[in-house]
Amino acid sequence: MQRFFARIVGEEALFSSSEAHHLLDVMRLGEGDFFEVAAEGEVYLAKLISRNPLKVHLEKKLEENNELKSGLLLGFSLLKGGHDEFVLLKGTELGVKGFYPFISERTIIKLDPKEKEKRLERFKKIVEEGAKQSKRTVVPFVSPIQNYKELLLTQADVRLIAYENDKENIVSLRKAFASVPENGSLLALVGPEGGFSADEVSLATNQGFVSVGLGKRILRAETASIYLASAFSYAKEGQ
């Protein structure tokens, strides 16, 4: 059954203009059609009463929760060739709670403020589409595009940086994931095509980030993000 996101005020479902367009003009739902409404972690069976004005009746609340108890916050570098959009879409399907796109020393793409805003709106649309397709009960948060030093100020219960060259201090993903409390948060950073510089890793570890490896093979930047999100979902799905 088709799912749409809305805000619930009293007993009324309020849709954004883009969501109303998708419901009425793209999916072409008619009066009397049933669909699902997800709002703030709750899911409802809804019936379309009127197309113009748009009016919906919430029939009943559905017992459904497809979210992980512990939240993964994924910090990822902007990537060329649309690969960052792939990270957003697949990360959403895998349960990522929030995305933190950033620009670091070796990030190839450089954007002015207007381009950053345009790309952010595109990112939010991709995440919303992915949330509908994968039956999420919430749409993941997408942070404004930051520089690397700004990102290091983001707080979480556990903070990791994917960097395989820190042989003395590196920990396994299994150990790192086990340290995330139930209902807690994990912030994980994945670098650009050229990886993080040693200075960037030093900045992160000085602020409490822990280095983790992602296996014995060298992964592409987008693959590293998906691998990390998949492993976290597997580790926490049963909680």
Protein backbone atom coordinates (compact mmCIF):
# COMPACT_ATOMS: atom_id res chain seq x y z
CA MET A 1 0.00 0.00 0.00
CA GLN A 2 1.28 3.46 -0.90
CA ARG A 3 2.76 5.49 1.98
CA PHE A 4 2.85 9.27 2.36
CA PHE A 5 4.34 11.49 5.06
CA ALA A 6 2.36 14.17 6.87
CA ARG A 7 1.94 16.11 10.10
CA ILE A 8 -0.97 15.20 12.35
CA VAL A 9 -2.75 18.12 13.98
CA GLY A 10 -5.66 16.96 16.11
CA GLU A 11 -7.30 14.36 13.89
CA GLU A 12 -6.24 15.99 10.63
CA ALA A 13 -3.37 14.94 8.35
CA LEU A 14 -1.53 17.92 6.86
CA PHE A 15 0.59 17.30 3.74
CA SER A 16 3.31 19.43 2.23
CA SER A 17 2.59 20.81 -1.24
CA SER A 18 5.00 18.32 -2.83
CA GLU A 19 3.46 15.41 -0.94
CA ALA A 20 -0.06 16.49 -1.88
CA HIS A 21 1.06 16.70 -5.52
CA HIS A 22 2.50 13.20 -5.33
CA LEU A 23 -0.69 11.83 -3.76
CA LEU A 24 -3.13 13.51 -6.14
CA ASP A 25 -1.30 14.07 -9.41
CA VAL A 26 1.39 11.38 -9.52
CA MET A 27 -0.29 8.43 -7.82
CA ARG A 28 -3.75 9.75 -8.82
CA LEU A 29 -5.53 8.46 -5.74
CA GLY A 30 -9.28 8.90 -5.90
CA GLU A 31 -11.94 9.52 -3.32
CA GLY A 32 -12.49 6.36 -1.31
CA ASP A 33 -8.96 5.04 -1.89
CA PHE A 34 -6.98 3.79 1.11
CA PHE A 35 -3.30 4.48 1.78
CA GLU A 36 -0.87 4.82 4.67
CA VAL A 37 0.14 8.02 6.44
CA ALA A 38 3.37 8.13 8.44
CA ALA A 39 3.76 10.97 10.91
CA GLU A 40 6.38 11.38 13.65
CA GLY A 41 7.05 7.66 13.94
CA GLU A 42 3.38 6.59 13.85
CA VAL A 43 1.62 4.94 10.91
CA TYR A 44 -2.09 5.24 10.11
CA LEU A 45 -4.46 3.63 7.64
CA ALA A 46 -6.08 6.57 5.86
CA LYS A 47 -8.94 7.09 3.42
CA LEU A 48 -9.12 9.89 0.86
CA ILE A 49 -12.41 11.72 1.44
CA SER A 50 -11.99 14.66 -0.92
CA ARG A 51 -9.44 15.64 -3.58
CA ASN A 52 -10.31 19.36 -3.68
CA PRO A 53 -9.90 20.45 -1.00
CA LEU A 54 -7.64 17.60 0.05
CA LYS A 55 -9.28 15.87 2.99
CA VAL A 56 -8.24 12.59 4.59
CA HIS A 57 -9.81 10.46 7.28
CA LEU A 58 -7.47 8.53 9.59
CA GLU A 59 -9.18 5.17 9.93
CA LYS A 60 -6.90 3.60 12.56
CA LYS A 61 -3.37 3.53 13.89
CA LEU A 62 -1.27 0.63 12.60
CA GLU A 63 1.08 -1.29 14.90
CA GLU A 64 4.25 -0.83 12.89
CA ASN A 65 7.75 0.38 13.65
CA ASN A 66 10.47 -0.15 11.07
CA GLU A 67 13.11 2.01 12.77
CA LEU A 68 16.27 0.87 14.53
CA LYS A 69 16.34 1.60 18.26
CA SER A 70 19.88 2.94 18.00
CA GLY A 71 20.40 5.68 15.45
CA LEU A 72 23.18 5.81 12.87
CA LEU A 73 24.24 9.32 11.86
CA LEU A 74 26.26 9.03 8.68
CA GLY A 75 28.76 11.74 7.81
CA PHE A 76 29.86 11.38 4.19
CA SER A 77 31.89 13.49 1.81
CA LEU A 78 30.28 14.90 -1.31
CA LEU A 79 31.17 12.60 -4.19
CA LYS A 80 31.35 13.06 -7.94
CA GLY A 81 29.12 11.29 -10.45
CA GLY A 82 26.02 11.28 -8.26
CA HIS A 83 27.51 8.70 -5.92
CA ASP A 84 26.55 10.76 -2.88
CA GLU A 85 22.91 10.47 -3.98
CA PHE A 86 23.38 6.69 -4.06
CA VAL A 87 24.64 6.86 -0.47
CA LEU A 88 21.55 8.82 0.58
CA LEU A 89 19.08 6.49 -1.11
CA LYS A 90 20.61 3.20 0.00
CA GLY A 91 21.44 4.55 3.45
CA THR A 92 17.79 5.48 3.90
CA GLU A 93 16.72 1.97 2.90
CA LEU A 94 19.18 0.55 5.45
CA GLY A 95 17.81 2.61 8.33
CA VAL A 96 20.21 5.55 8.65
CA LYS A 97 18.67 8.10 11.01
CA GLY A 98 20.49 11.19 9.78
CA PHE A 99 22.90 12.25 7.05
CA TYR A 100 25.71 14.80 7.41
CA PRO A 101 27.20 15.67 4.00
CA PHE A 102 30.52 17.49 4.25
CA ILE A 103 33.44 18.92 2.30
CA SER A 104 36.91 17.91 3.46
CA GLU A 105 40.49 18.41 2.26
CA ARG A 106 40.32 15.84 -0.54
CA THR A 107 36.69 16.36 -1.57
CA ILE A 108 36.71 16.87 -5.33
CA ILE A 109 33.44 18.81 -5.56
CA LYS A 110 33.50 22.46 -4.48
CA LEU A 111 30.25 24.44 -4.14
CA ASP A 112 29.26 28.04 -3.54
CA PRO A 113 26.49 28.78 -0.98
CA LYS A 114 23.72 28.80 -3.61
CA GLU A 115 24.87 25.47 -5.03
CA LYS A 116 24.99 24.00 -1.52
CA GLU A 117 21.39 24.99 -0.89
CA LYS A 118 20.26 23.55 -4.23
CA ARG A 119 22.04 20.28 -3.57
CA LEU A 120 20.61 20.07 -0.04
CA GLU A 121 17.05 20.34 -1.40
CA ARG A 122 17.85 17.56 -3.88
CA PHE A 123 19.26 15.41 -1.06
CA LYS A 124 16.10 15.88 1.04
CA LYS A 125 13.91 14.81 -1.87
CA ILE A 126 15.97 11.65 -2.44
CA VAL A 127 15.76 10.72 1.23
CA GLU A 128 11.99 11.24 1.32
CA GLU A 129 11.50 9.07 -1.77
CA GLY A 130 13.71 6.38 -0.24
CA ALA A 131 11.77 6.51 3.03
CA LYS A 132 8.48 5.92 1.21
CA GLN A 133 9.85 3.05 -0.86
CA SER A 134 11.39 1.29 2.14
CA LYS A 135 8.36 1.83 4.42
CA ARG A 136 10.23 3.96 6.95
CA THR A 137 8.08 5.50 9.67
CA VAL A 138 10.22 8.66 9.74
CA VAL A 139 12.12 10.54 7.06
CA PRO A 140 15.84 10.71 7.92
CA PHE A 141 17.30 14.10 8.76
CA VAL A 142 19.67 15.70 6.24
CA SER A 143 22.05 18.31 7.64
CA PRO A 144 23.13 21.36 5.64
CA ILE A 145 26.44 20.73 3.87
CA GLN A 146 29.26 21.52 6.29
CA ASN A 147 33.00 21.78 6.19
CA TYR A 148 34.93 19.03 7.95
CA LYS A 149 35.87 21.01 11.06
CA GLU A 150 32.24 22.01 11.63
CA LEU A 151 31.18 18.38 11.36
CA LEU A 152 33.57 17.35 14.14
CA LEU A 153 31.45 19.37 16.59
CA THR A 154 28.44 17.10 16.02
CA GLN A 155 27.64 15.11 19.15
CA ALA A 156 26.65 11.45 19.52
CA ASP A 157 27.05 8.70 22.12
CA VAL A 158 29.76 7.06 20.01
CA ARG A 159 31.76 8.77 17.24
CA LEU A 160 33.81 6.88 14.64
CA ILE A 161 35.98 7.74 11.66
CA ALA A 162 36.65 5.19 8.93
CA TYR A 163 40.43 5.13 8.60
CA GLU A 164 42.34 1.92 8.08
CA ASN A 165 45.87 3.33 8.54
CA ASP A 166 45.66 4.02 12.26
CA LYS A 167 47.05 0.59 13.16
CA GLU A 168 47.73 1.36 16.84
CA ASN A 169 44.31 2.77 17.78
CA ILE A 170 41.93 1.12 15.30
CA VAL A 171 38.99 -0.87 16.71
CA SER A 172 36.68 -3.36 15.03
CA LEU A 173 33.18 -2.38 13.91
CA ARG A 174 31.77 -5.16 16.09
CA LYS A 175 33.35 -3.68 19.21
CA ALA A 176 32.40 -0.14 18.25
CA PHE A 177 28.77 -1.05 17.56
CA ALA A 178 28.52 -2.96 20.84
CA SER A 179 29.44 0.24 22.70
CA VAL A 180 26.40 2.11 21.33
CA PRO A 181 23.69 2.13 24.02
CA GLU A 182 20.15 1.05 23.23
CA ASN A 183 18.25 4.10 22.01
CA GLY A 184 21.64 5.78 21.63
CA SER A 185 23.38 7.30 18.63
CA LEU A 186 26.45 6.60 16.55
CA LEU A 187 28.10 9.19 14.31
CA ALA A 188 30.32 7.59 11.66
CA LEU A 189 32.44 9.56 9.18
CA VAL A 190 33.40 8.28 5.72
CA GLY A 191 35.82 10.27 3.59
CA PRO A 192 35.91 11.23 -0.10
CA GLU A 193 37.46 9.36 -3.04
CA GLY A 194 40.97 10.09 -1.75
CA GLY A 195 40.14 9.32 1.87
CA PHE A 196 40.96 11.43 4.92
CA SER A 197 44.34 13.04 5.35
CA ALA A 198 46.44 12.14 8.41
CA ASP A 199 45.89 15.67 9.77
CA GLU A 200 42.09 15.27 9.48
CA VAL A 201 42.21 11.97 11.34
CA SER A 202 44.35 13.57 14.04
CA LEU A 203 41.81 16.40 14.41
CA ALA A 204 39.02 13.85 14.80
CA THR A 205 40.79 11.62 17.31
CA ASN A 206 41.76 14.67 19.38
CA GLN A 207 38.04 15.39 19.67
CA GLY A 208 37.15 11.88 20.80
CA PHE A 209 36.53 10.06 17.51
CA VAL A 210 37.69 6.43 17.32
CA SER A 211 39.27 4.99 14.15
CA VAL A 212 37.60 1.89 12.66
CA GLY A 213 38.46 -0.34 9.73
CA LEU A 214 36.01 -1.65 7.15
CA GLY A 215 37.59 -5.00 6.36
CA LYS A 216 40.75 -6.07 4.60
CA ARG A 217 39.86 -4.72 1.17
CA ILE A 218 39.97 -1.10 0.02
CA LEU A 219 36.42 0.14 -0.64
CA ARG A 220 35.21 2.94 -2.84
CA ALA A 221 33.87 5.88 -0.83
CA GLU A 222 30.21 5.14 -1.61
CA THR A 223 30.70 1.41 -0.92
CA ALA A 224 32.26 2.22 2.46
CA SER A 225 29.16 4.18 3.53
CA ILE A 226 26.80 1.40 2.44
CA TYR A 227 28.96 -1.28 4.06
CA LEU A 228 28.96 0.62 7.34
CA ALA A 229 25.19 1.20 7.25
CA SER A 230 24.53 -2.45 6.38
CA ALA A 231 26.75 -3.72 9.18
CA PHE A 232 25.10 -1.39 11.70
CA SER A 233 21.61 -2.45 10.63
CA TYR A 234 22.59 -6.12 10.96
CA ALA A 235 24.13 -5.56 14.39
CA LYS A 236 21.17 -3.60 15.77
CA GLU A 237 18.15 -4.99 13.89
CA GLY A 238 17.26 -7.47 16.61
CA GLN A 239 17.20 -4.91 19.43
